């Protein structure tokens, strides 16, 4: 596919932007290079290849969902510098 000046003018009109002549030439050459890359990708034989969803072969690692005793209040409060009625007691910050 050729990226012609007419195509670029049409894109300018559709996107409601105006490019200077210098910028128009630069955009046209960049789009031409991009389309060449796309054409090269289209020619690549991918028959029999598995789709790649991520660059690294990763899988989710899940742990078993096990019921545990989560009532460890006393154990956790052992490290508290100060406690009251089963809660951490902290200094007053606002008066």
N, C-alpha and C. Protein backbone atom coordinates (compact mmCIF):
# COMPACT_ATOMS: atom_id res chain seq x y z
N UNK A 1 0.85 -1.19 0.00
CA UNK A 1 0.00 0.00 0.00
C UNK A 1 0.89 1.24 0.00
N UNK A 2 0.51 2.19 -0.81
CA UNK A 2 1.23 3.45 -0.87
C UNK A 2 0.51 4.49 -0.02
N UNK A 3 1.29 5.23 0.71
CA UNK A 3 0.75 6.33 1.50
C UNK A 3 0.91 7.59 0.67
N UNK A 4 -0.12 7.94 -0.04
CA UNK A 4 -0.06 9.06 -0.99
C UNK A 4 -0.38 10.39 -0.30
N UNK A 5 0.02 11.49 -0.95
CA UNK A 5 -0.34 12.81 -0.39
C UNK A 5 -1.85 12.99 -0.27
N UNK A 6 -2.61 12.37 -1.18
CA UNK A 6 -4.07 12.47 -1.11
C UNK A 6 -4.60 11.80 0.15
N UNK A 7 -4.02 10.66 0.50
CA UNK A 7 -4.44 9.96 1.72
C UNK A 7 -4.15 10.83 2.93
N UNK A 8 -2.98 11.45 2.96
CA UNK A 8 -2.62 12.31 4.08
C UNK A 8 -3.55 13.52 4.16
N UNK A 9 -3.86 14.13 3.04
CA UNK A 9 -4.79 15.27 3.04
C UNK A 9 -6.16 14.85 3.55
N UNK A 10 -6.60 13.65 3.15
CA UNK A 10 -7.88 13.14 3.62
C UNK A 10 -7.85 12.93 5.14
N UNK A 11 -6.75 12.38 5.65
CA UNK A 11 -6.61 12.19 7.10
C UNK A 11 -6.58 13.52 7.84
N UNK A 12 -5.92 14.50 7.26
CA UNK A 12 -5.90 15.84 7.86
C UNK A 12 -7.32 16.39 7.97
N UNK A 13 -8.07 16.24 6.92
CA UNK A 13 -9.44 16.75 6.90
C UNK A 13 -10.31 16.03 7.92
N UNK A 14 -10.19 14.71 7.98
CA UNK A 14 -11.01 13.93 8.92
C UNK A 14 -10.66 14.24 10.37
N UNK A 15 -9.38 14.47 10.64
CA UNK A 15 -8.96 14.73 12.02
C UNK A 15 -8.99 16.22 12.37
N UNK A 16 -9.36 17.05 11.41
CA UNK A 16 -9.47 18.50 11.63
C UNK A 16 -8.15 19.12 12.07
N UNK A 17 -7.05 18.67 11.45
CA UNK A 17 -5.75 19.28 11.72
C UNK A 17 -5.13 19.72 10.40
N UNK A 18 -4.19 20.64 10.49
CA UNK A 18 -3.47 21.09 9.31
C UNK A 18 -1.98 20.95 9.60
N UNK A 19 -1.27 20.38 8.65
CA UNK A 19 0.17 20.21 8.78
C UNK A 19 0.88 21.16 7.83
N UNK A 20 2.04 21.61 8.25
CA UNK A 20 2.86 22.41 7.34
C UNK A 20 3.40 21.47 6.26
N UNK A 21 3.87 22.04 5.15
CA UNK A 21 4.40 21.21 4.06
C UNK A 21 5.58 20.37 4.54
N UNK A 22 6.44 20.98 5.37
CA UNK A 22 7.60 20.25 5.89
C UNK A 22 7.16 19.08 6.77
N UNK A 23 6.21 19.34 7.65
CA UNK A 23 5.72 18.30 8.55
C UNK A 23 4.97 17.23 7.76
N UNK A 24 4.24 17.64 6.74
CA UNK A 24 3.49 16.70 5.91
C UNK A 24 4.44 15.70 5.24
N UNK A 25 5.57 16.18 4.74
CA UNK A 25 6.55 15.29 4.11
C UNK A 25 7.12 14.30 5.12
N UNK A 26 7.41 14.79 6.32
CA UNK A 26 7.97 13.92 7.36
C UNK A 26 6.95 12.84 7.77
N UNK A 27 5.71 13.24 7.99
CA UNK A 27 4.66 12.28 8.36
C UNK A 27 4.46 11.26 7.26
N UNK A 28 4.46 11.72 6.01
CA UNK A 28 4.27 10.80 4.88
C UNK A 28 5.39 9.77 4.82
N UNK A 29 6.63 10.19 5.03
CA UNK A 29 7.75 9.23 4.97
C UNK A 29 7.69 8.26 6.15
N UNK A 30 7.30 8.75 7.33
CA UNK A 30 7.18 7.87 8.50
C UNK A 30 6.06 6.85 8.30
N UNK A 31 4.94 7.29 7.74
CA UNK A 31 3.82 6.38 7.49
C UNK A 31 4.19 5.35 6.42
N UNK A 32 4.94 5.78 5.42
CA UNK A 32 5.38 4.86 4.37
C UNK A 32 6.27 3.77 4.98
N UNK A 33 7.19 4.16 5.86
CA UNK A 33 8.07 3.19 6.52
C UNK A 33 7.25 2.25 7.40
N UNK A 34 6.26 2.79 8.09
CA UNK A 34 5.40 1.96 8.94
C UNK A 34 4.64 0.94 8.10
N UNK A 35 4.09 1.39 6.99
CA UNK A 35 3.33 0.47 6.13
C UNK A 35 4.22 -0.60 5.52
N UNK A 36 5.48 -0.28 5.26
CA UNK A 36 6.42 -1.29 4.77
C UNK A 36 6.63 -2.37 5.83
N UNK A 37 6.72 -1.96 7.09
CA UNK A 37 6.86 -2.93 8.19
C UNK A 37 5.62 -3.81 8.29
N UNK A 38 4.45 -3.21 8.14
CA UNK A 38 3.20 -3.98 8.18
C UNK A 38 3.17 -4.99 7.04
N UNK A 39 3.57 -4.57 5.84
CA UNK A 39 3.61 -5.49 4.70
C UNK A 39 4.57 -6.65 4.97
N UNK A 40 5.71 -6.35 5.57
CA UNK A 40 6.68 -7.41 5.90
C UNK A 40 6.08 -8.39 6.90
N UNK A 41 5.33 -7.88 7.88
CA UNK A 41 4.69 -8.77 8.86
C UNK A 41 3.62 -9.63 8.20
N UNK A 42 2.89 -9.05 7.25
CA UNK A 42 1.86 -9.81 6.55
C UNK A 42 2.45 -10.98 5.77
N UNK A 43 3.68 -10.81 5.28
CA UNK A 43 4.32 -11.86 4.48
C UNK A 43 4.93 -12.97 5.35
N UNK A 44 5.03 -12.75 6.64
CA UNK A 44 5.63 -13.73 7.54
C UNK A 44 4.71 -14.93 7.67
N UNK A 45 5.29 -16.13 7.51
CA UNK A 45 4.52 -17.37 7.63
C UNK A 45 4.35 -17.71 9.11
N UNK A 46 3.12 -17.66 9.59
CA UNK A 46 2.83 -17.98 10.98
C UNK A 46 2.00 -19.25 11.10
N UNK A 47 1.92 -20.00 10.02
CA UNK A 47 1.13 -21.23 10.02
C UNK A 47 1.66 -22.20 11.08
N UNK A 48 0.77 -22.70 11.91
CA UNK A 48 1.14 -23.67 12.93
C UNK A 48 1.76 -23.07 14.18
N UNK A 49 1.88 -21.76 14.23
CA UNK A 49 2.46 -21.13 15.43
C UNK A 49 1.36 -20.80 16.42
N UNK A 50 1.64 -21.04 17.67
CA UNK A 50 0.68 -20.74 18.72
C UNK A 50 0.68 -19.23 18.99
N UNK A 51 -0.49 -18.63 19.22
CA UNK A 51 -0.54 -17.18 19.50
C UNK A 51 0.27 -16.84 20.74
N UNK A 52 0.91 -15.69 20.72
CA UNK A 52 1.72 -15.23 21.84
C UNK A 52 1.00 -14.04 22.46
N UNK A 53 0.63 -14.17 23.72
CA UNK A 53 -0.10 -13.11 24.39
C UNK A 53 0.81 -12.23 25.24
N UNK A 54 2.00 -12.72 25.52
CA UNK A 54 2.95 -11.97 26.33
C UNK A 54 4.35 -12.37 25.89
N UNK A 55 5.29 -11.46 26.01
CA UNK A 55 6.64 -11.74 25.54
C UNK A 55 7.32 -12.84 26.36
N UNK A 56 6.95 -12.97 27.64
CA UNK A 56 7.51 -14.01 28.49
C UNK A 56 6.46 -15.09 28.73
N UNK A 57 6.86 -16.35 28.75
CA UNK A 57 5.89 -17.42 28.99
C UNK A 57 5.52 -17.49 30.47
N UNK A 58 4.54 -16.70 30.87
CA UNK A 58 4.16 -16.66 32.28
C UNK A 58 2.79 -17.29 32.47
N UNK A 59 2.59 -17.82 33.64
CA UNK A 59 1.28 -18.35 34.02
C UNK A 59 0.98 -17.86 35.42
N UNK A 60 -0.29 -17.80 35.75
CA UNK A 60 -0.67 -17.40 37.10
C UNK A 60 -0.35 -18.51 38.08
N UNK A 61 0.15 -18.13 39.22
CA UNK A 61 0.46 -19.11 40.26
C UNK A 61 -0.49 -18.83 41.42
N UNK A 62 -1.37 -19.78 41.67
CA UNK A 62 -2.34 -19.63 42.73
C UNK A 62 -2.03 -20.60 43.86
N UNK A 63 -2.27 -20.18 45.08
CA UNK A 63 -2.11 -21.09 46.20
C UNK A 63 -3.46 -21.73 46.48
N UNK A 64 -3.42 -22.84 47.17
CA UNK A 64 -4.66 -23.48 47.57
C UNK A 64 -5.38 -22.59 48.57
N UNK A 65 -6.69 -22.54 48.48
CA UNK A 65 -7.50 -21.76 49.40
C UNK A 65 -7.76 -22.62 50.63
N UNK A 66 -7.02 -22.36 51.70
CA UNK A 66 -7.13 -23.16 52.91
C UNK A 66 -7.71 -22.32 54.03
N UNK A 67 -8.59 -22.93 54.80
CA UNK A 67 -9.17 -22.27 55.96
C UNK A 67 -8.12 -22.29 57.07
N UNK A 68 -7.86 -21.13 57.65
CA UNK A 68 -6.88 -21.04 58.74
C UNK A 68 -7.50 -20.30 59.91
N UNK A 69 -6.88 -20.43 61.05
CA UNK A 69 -7.34 -19.71 62.23
C UNK A 69 -6.82 -18.27 62.14
N UNK A 70 -7.71 -17.35 61.88
CA UNK A 70 -7.29 -15.96 61.71
C UNK A 70 -7.43 -15.15 62.98
N UNK A 71 -7.91 -15.75 64.04
CA UNK A 71 -8.07 -15.02 65.29
C UNK A 71 -6.75 -15.09 66.06
N UNK A 72 -5.80 -14.22 65.71
CA UNK A 72 -4.48 -14.21 66.32
C UNK A 72 -4.24 -12.88 67.05
N UNK A 73 -5.29 -12.32 67.57
CA UNK A 73 -5.20 -11.01 68.19
C UNK A 73 -4.13 -10.96 69.29
N UNK A 74 -4.18 -11.91 70.20
CA UNK A 74 -3.21 -11.90 71.30
C UNK A 74 -1.78 -12.02 70.79
N UNK A 75 -1.58 -12.89 69.82
CA UNK A 75 -0.25 -13.08 69.25
C UNK A 75 0.27 -11.79 68.61
N UNK A 76 -0.60 -11.10 67.89
CA UNK A 76 -0.19 -9.86 67.22
C UNK A 76 0.03 -8.72 68.22
N UNK A 77 -0.78 -8.68 69.27
CA UNK A 77 -0.65 -7.61 70.25
C UNK A 77 0.56 -7.79 71.15
N UNK A 78 1.18 -8.96 71.13
CA UNK A 78 2.39 -9.17 71.94
C UNK A 78 3.49 -8.20 71.55
N UNK A 79 3.52 -7.78 70.30
CA UNK A 79 4.55 -6.86 69.82
C UNK A 79 4.19 -5.39 70.01
N UNK A 80 2.98 -5.12 70.50
CA UNK A 80 2.54 -3.74 70.65
C UNK A 80 3.22 -3.09 71.85
N UNK A 81 3.73 -1.87 71.69
CA UNK A 81 4.34 -1.20 72.83
C UNK A 81 3.31 -0.87 73.90
N UNK A 82 2.06 -0.65 73.47
CA UNK A 82 0.99 -0.34 74.43
C UNK A 82 -0.32 -0.84 73.85
N UNK A 83 -1.18 -1.39 74.70
CA UNK A 83 -2.47 -1.90 74.23
C UNK A 83 -3.53 -1.69 75.30
N UNK A 84 -4.79 -1.67 74.85
CA UNK A 84 -5.90 -1.50 75.79
C UNK A 84 -7.12 -2.20 75.20
N UNK A 85 -7.73 -3.06 75.95
CA UNK A 85 -8.95 -3.77 75.57
C UNK A 85 -8.80 -4.50 74.24
N UNK A 86 -7.63 -5.07 73.97
CA UNK A 86 -7.42 -5.85 72.76
C UNK A 86 -7.12 -5.03 71.52
N UNK A 87 -6.78 -3.75 71.71
CA UNK A 87 -6.46 -2.88 70.58
C UNK A 87 -5.09 -2.23 70.80
N UNK A 88 -4.44 -1.82 69.71
CA UNK A 88 -3.21 -1.05 69.83
C UNK A 88 -3.56 0.31 70.42
N UNK A 89 -2.77 0.76 71.37
CA UNK A 89 -2.98 2.09 71.95
C UNK A 89 -1.85 2.97 71.44
N UNK A 90 -2.23 4.09 70.84
CA UNK A 90 -1.24 5.01 70.26
C UNK A 90 -1.37 6.37 70.92
N UNK A 91 -0.31 7.17 70.87
CA UNK A 91 -0.39 8.51 71.45
C UNK A 91 -1.39 9.38 70.70
N UNK A 92 -1.97 10.31 71.40
CA UNK A 92 -2.91 11.25 70.80
C UNK A 92 -2.14 12.14 69.83
N UNK A 93 -2.68 12.30 68.62
CA UNK A 93 -2.01 13.16 67.64
C UNK A 93 -2.73 14.48 67.46
N UNK A 94 -4.03 14.51 67.70
CA UNK A 94 -4.81 15.75 67.62
C UNK A 94 -5.50 15.97 68.95
N UNK A 95 -5.59 17.21 69.34
CA UNK A 95 -6.25 17.52 70.61
C UNK A 95 -7.51 18.29 70.36
